[in-house]
C-alpha atoms as a PDB file:
ATOM      1  CA  UNK A   1     120.230  36.466 -96.004  1.00  0.00           C
ATOM      2  CA  UNK A   2     120.995  39.487 -93.942  1.00  0.00           C
ATOM      3  CA  UNK A   3     119.639  39.953 -90.472  1.00  0.00           C
ATOM      4  CA  UNK A   4     116.995  42.645 -90.054  1.00  0.00           C
ATOM      5  CA  UNK A   5     118.389  43.629 -86.668  1.00  0.00           C
ATOM      6  CA  UNK A   6     121.793  45.227 -86.568  1.00  0.00           C
ATOM      7  CA  UNK A   7     124.102  45.607 -83.630  1.00  0.00           C
ATOM      8  CA  UNK A   8     122.944  48.585 -81.601  1.00  0.00           C
ATOM      9  CA  UNK A   9     125.677  50.920 -80.401  1.00  0.00           C
ATOM     10  CA  UNK A  10     123.450  53.988 -79.806  1.00  0.00           C
ATOM     11  CA  UNK A  11     119.975  55.016 -78.701  1.00  0.00           C
ATOM     12  CA  UNK A  12     117.254  55.666 -81.218  1.00  0.00           C
ATOM     13  CA  UNK A  13     115.693  59.090 -81.664  1.00  0.00           C
ATOM     14  CA  UNK A  14     112.473  57.880 -80.069  1.00  0.00           C
ATOM     15  CA  UNK A  15     114.298  56.707 -76.932  1.00  0.00           C
ATOM     16  CA  UNK A  16     116.104  60.045 -76.636  1.00  0.00           C
ATOM     17  CA  UNK A  17     112.873  62.033 -77.035  1.00  0.00           C
ATOM     18  CA  UNK A  18     111.136  59.848 -74.463  1.00  0.00           C
ATOM     19  CA  UNK A  19     113.942  60.252 -71.916  1.00  0.00           C
ATOM     20  CA  UNK A  20     114.004  64.051 -72.463  1.00  0.00           C
ATOM     21  CA  UNK A  21     110.217  64.233 -71.963  1.00  0.00           C
ATOM     22  CA  UNK A  22     110.403  62.228 -68.715  1.00  0.00           C
ATOM     23  CA  UNK A  23     113.293  64.370 -67.473  1.00  0.00           C
ATOM     24  CA  UNK A  24     111.363  67.566 -68.341  1.00  0.00           C
ATOM     25  CA  UNK A  25     108.316  66.436 -66.375  1.00  0.00           C
ATOM     26  CA  UNK A  26     110.496  65.523 -63.389  1.00  0.00           C
ATOM     27  CA  UNK A  27     112.448  68.821 -63.432  1.00  0.00           C
ATOM     28  CA  UNK A  28     109.201  70.798 -63.846  1.00  0.00           C
ATOM     29  CA  UNK A  29     107.718  69.062 -60.802  1.00  0.00           C
ATOM     30  CA  UNK A  30     110.818  69.788 -58.729  1.00  0.00           C
ATOM     31  CA  UNK A  31     110.805  73.476 -59.698  1.00  0.00           C
ATOM     32  CA  UNK A  32     107.066  73.740 -58.999  1.00  0.00           C
ATOM     33  CA  UNK A  33     107.470  72.276 -55.513  1.00  0.00           C
ATOM     34  CA  UNK A  34     110.404  74.601 -54.774  1.00  0.00           C
ATOM     35  CA  UNK A  35     108.424  77.620 -55.987  1.00  0.00           C
ATOM     36  CA  UNK A  36     105.387  76.734 -53.865  1.00  0.00           C
ATOM     37  CA  UNK A  37     107.630  76.189 -50.829  1.00  0.00           C
ATOM     38  CA  UNK A  38     109.213  79.618 -51.327  1.00  0.00           C
ATOM     39  CA  UNK A  39     105.764  81.234 -51.565  1.00  0.00           C
ATOM     40  CA  UNK A  40     104.703  79.595 -48.302  1.00  0.00           C
ATOM     41  CA  UNK A  41     107.892  80.700 -46.545  1.00  0.00           C
ATOM     42  CA  UNK A  42     107.471  84.251 -47.870  1.00  0.00           C
ATOM     43  CA  UNK A  43     103.858  84.465 -46.699  1.00  0.00           C
ATOM     44  CA  UNK A  44     104.815  83.121 -43.262  1.00  0.00           C
ATOM     45  CA  UNK A  45     107.626  85.680 -43.006  1.00  0.00           C
ATOM     46  CA  UNK A  46     105.209  88.467 -44.000  1.00  0.00           C
ATOM     47  CA  UNK A  47     102.627  87.354 -41.417  1.00  0.00           C
ATOM     48  CA  UNK A  48     105.331  87.138 -38.743  1.00  0.00           C
ATOM     49  CA  UNK A  49     106.506  90.662 -39.611  1.00  0.00           C
ATOM     50  CA  UNK A  50     102.949  91.994 -39.316  1.00  0.00           C
ATOM     51  CA  UNK A  51     102.523  90.229 -35.962  1.00  0.00           C
ATOM     52  CA  UNK A  52     105.826  91.652 -34.677  1.00  0.00           C
ATOM     53  CA  UNK A  53     104.848  95.167 -35.764  1.00  0.00           C
ATOM     54  CA  UNK A  54     101.433  94.864 -34.113  1.00  0.00           C
ATOM     55  CA  UNK A  55     102.975  93.539 -30.891  1.00  0.00           C
ATOM     56  CA  UNK A  56     105.534  96.355 -30.839  1.00  0.00           C
ATOM     57  CA  UNK A  57     102.845  98.979 -31.385  1.00  0.00           C
ATOM     58  CA  UNK A  58     100.660  97.454 -28.678  1.00  0.00           C
ATOM     59  CA  UNK A  59     103.561  97.461 -26.208  1.00  0.00           C
ATOM     60  CA  UNK A  60     104.441 101.068 -27.068  1.00  0.00           C
ATOM     61  CA  UNK A  61     100.834 102.189 -26.587  1.00  0.00           C
ATOM     62  CA  UNK A  62     100.545 100.260 -23.333  1.00  0.00           C
ATOM     63  CA  UNK A  63     103.650 101.929 -21.924  1.00  0.00           C
ATOM     64  CA  UNK A  64     102.562 105.394 -23.043  1.00  0.00           C
ATOM     65  CA  UNK A  65      98.963 105.066 -21.859  1.00  0.00           C
ATOM     66  CA  UNK A  66     100.086 103.750 -18.481  1.00  0.00           C
ATOM     67  CA  UNK A  67     102.122 106.924 -17.874  1.00  0.00           C
ATOM     68  CA  UNK A  68      99.357 109.399 -18.783  1.00  0.00           C
ATOM     69  CA  UNK A  69      98.117 111.689 -15.993  1.00  0.00           C
ATOM     70  CA  UNK A  70      94.785 110.930 -14.328  1.00  0.00           C
ATOM     71  CA  UNK A  71      93.197 114.030 -15.856  1.00  0.00           C
ATOM     72  CA  UNK A  72      93.646 112.685 -19.373  1.00  0.00           C
ATOM     73  CA  UNK A  73      90.404 111.723 -21.122  1.00  0.00           C
ATOM     74  CA  UNK A  74      90.770 108.867 -23.603  1.00  0.00           C
ATOM     75  CA  UNK A  75      88.179 108.570 -26.394  1.00  0.00           C
ATOM     76  CA  UNK A  76      88.100 105.997 -29.181  1.00  0.00           C
ATOM     77  CA  UNK A  77      85.695 106.544 -32.070  1.00  0.00           C
ATOM     78  CA  UNK A  78      84.943 104.944 -35.422  1.00  0.00           C
ATOM     79  CA  UNK A  79      83.603 107.177 -38.166  1.00  0.00           C
ATOM     80  CA  UNK A  80      82.042 105.850 -41.378  1.00  0.00           C
ATOM     81  CA  UNK A  81      83.112 107.638 -44.577  1.00  0.00           C
ATOM     82  CA  UNK A  82      81.334 106.070 -47.524  1.00  0.00           C
ATOM     83  CA  UNK A  83      82.195 102.376 -47.639  1.00  0.00           C
ATOM     84  CA  UNK A  84      85.173 102.723 -45.291  1.00  0.00           C
ATOM     85  CA  UNK A  85      85.448 103.132 -41.539  1.00  0.00           C
ATOM     86  CA  UNK A  86      88.145 105.275 -39.943  1.00  0.00           C
ATOM     87  CA  UNK A  87      89.166 104.866 -36.315  1.00  0.00           C
ATOM     88  CA  UNK A  88      90.378 107.766 -34.237  1.00  0.00           C
ATOM     89  CA  UNK A  89      91.967 108.064 -30.796  1.00  0.00           C
ATOM     90  CA  UNK A  90      91.468 111.364 -28.967  1.00  0.00           C
ATOM     91  CA  UNK A  91      93.414 112.271 -25.832  1.00  0.00           C
ATOM     92  CA  UNK A  92      92.223 115.353 -23.951  1.00  0.00           C
ATOM     93  CA  UNK A  93      94.329 117.030 -21.263  1.00  0.00           C
ATOM     94  CA  UNK A  94      97.331 114.991 -22.361  1.00  0.00           C
ATOM     95  CA  UNK A  95     100.904 116.282 -22.077  1.00  0.00           C
ATOM     96  CA  UNK A  96     102.069 117.683 -25.424  1.00  0.00           C
ATOM     97  CA  UNK A  97     105.808 117.753 -24.685  1.00  0.00           C
ATOM     98  CA  UNK A  98     108.290 116.262 -22.279  1.00  0.00           C
ATOM     99  CA  UNK A  99     109.781 118.651 -19.755  1.00  0.00           C
ATOM    100  CA  UNK A 100     112.835 118.424 -17.558  1.00  0.00           C
ATOM    101  CA  UNK A 101     113.416 120.000 -14.224  1.00  0.00           C
ATOM    102  CA  UNK A 102     111.084 122.647 -12.843  1.00  0.00           C
ATOM    103  CA  UNK A 103     109.261 123.471 -16.075  1.00  0.00           C
ATOM    104  CA  UNK A 104     105.634 122.392 -16.225  1.00  0.00           C
ATOM    105  CA  UNK A 105     104.319 120.316 -19.105  1.00  0.00           C
ATOM    106  CA  UNK A 106     102.000 121.681 -21.776  1.00  0.00           C
ATOM    107  CA  UNK A 107      98.609 119.979 -21.881  1.00  0.00           C
ATOM    108  CA  UNK A 108      96.157 119.862 -24.761  1.00  0.00           C
ATOM    109  CA  UNK A 109      94.225 117.782 -27.291  1.00  0.00           C
ATOM    110  CA  UNK A 110      95.894 114.993 -29.299  1.00  0.00           C
ATOM    111  CA  UNK A 111      94.123 113.253 -32.195  1.00  0.00           C
ATOM    112  CA  UNK A 112      95.528 110.036 -33.665  1.00  0.00           C
ATOM    113  CA  UNK A 113      93.806 108.614 -36.709  1.00  0.00           C
ATOM    114  CA  UNK A 114      93.627 108.128 -40.426  1.00  0.00           C
ATOM    115  CA  UNK A 115      92.040 110.793 -42.578  1.00  0.00           C
ATOM    116  CA  UNK A 116      91.212 110.538 -46.291  1.00  0.00           C
ATOM    117  CA  UNK A 117      92.842 113.221 -48.447  1.00  0.00           C
ATOM    118  CA  UNK A 118      91.233 115.043 -51.376  1.00  0.00           C
ATOM    119  CA  UNK A 119      92.780 112.682 -53.932  1.00  0.00           C
ATOM    120  CA  UNK A 120      91.463 109.562 -52.147  1.00  0.00           C
ATOM    121  CA  UNK A 121      94.677 108.527 -50.421  1.00  0.00           C
ATOM    122  CA  UNK A 122      94.908 107.982 -46.676  1.00  0.00           C
ATOM    123  CA  UNK A 123      97.018 110.274 -44.504  1.00  0.00           C
END
């Protein structure tokens, strides 16, 4: 009588499919964790860039406002336009240009702000 079990020199199809399925789940988990880590790093980099830009703008404004003449009138206003609010900085009696030597500076009105255009974009 012959033996039902033969000598096994190779893996069965079921064993190969099972090992491929386990490997696929493992590789998918690794790629998912790498992708989520990259998203976190990208969002942190973006937030850091925004913070750096805001700090640079604040420092620039601080330096410029500190050197304004005493006659300059500084006004900050917020204007509602529909569902949006637009802020505006108005400087009256502010120097309009830098001058060198004996020339006197030109003084006038400066408006800094965001205005909606006719096509809905901001300018």
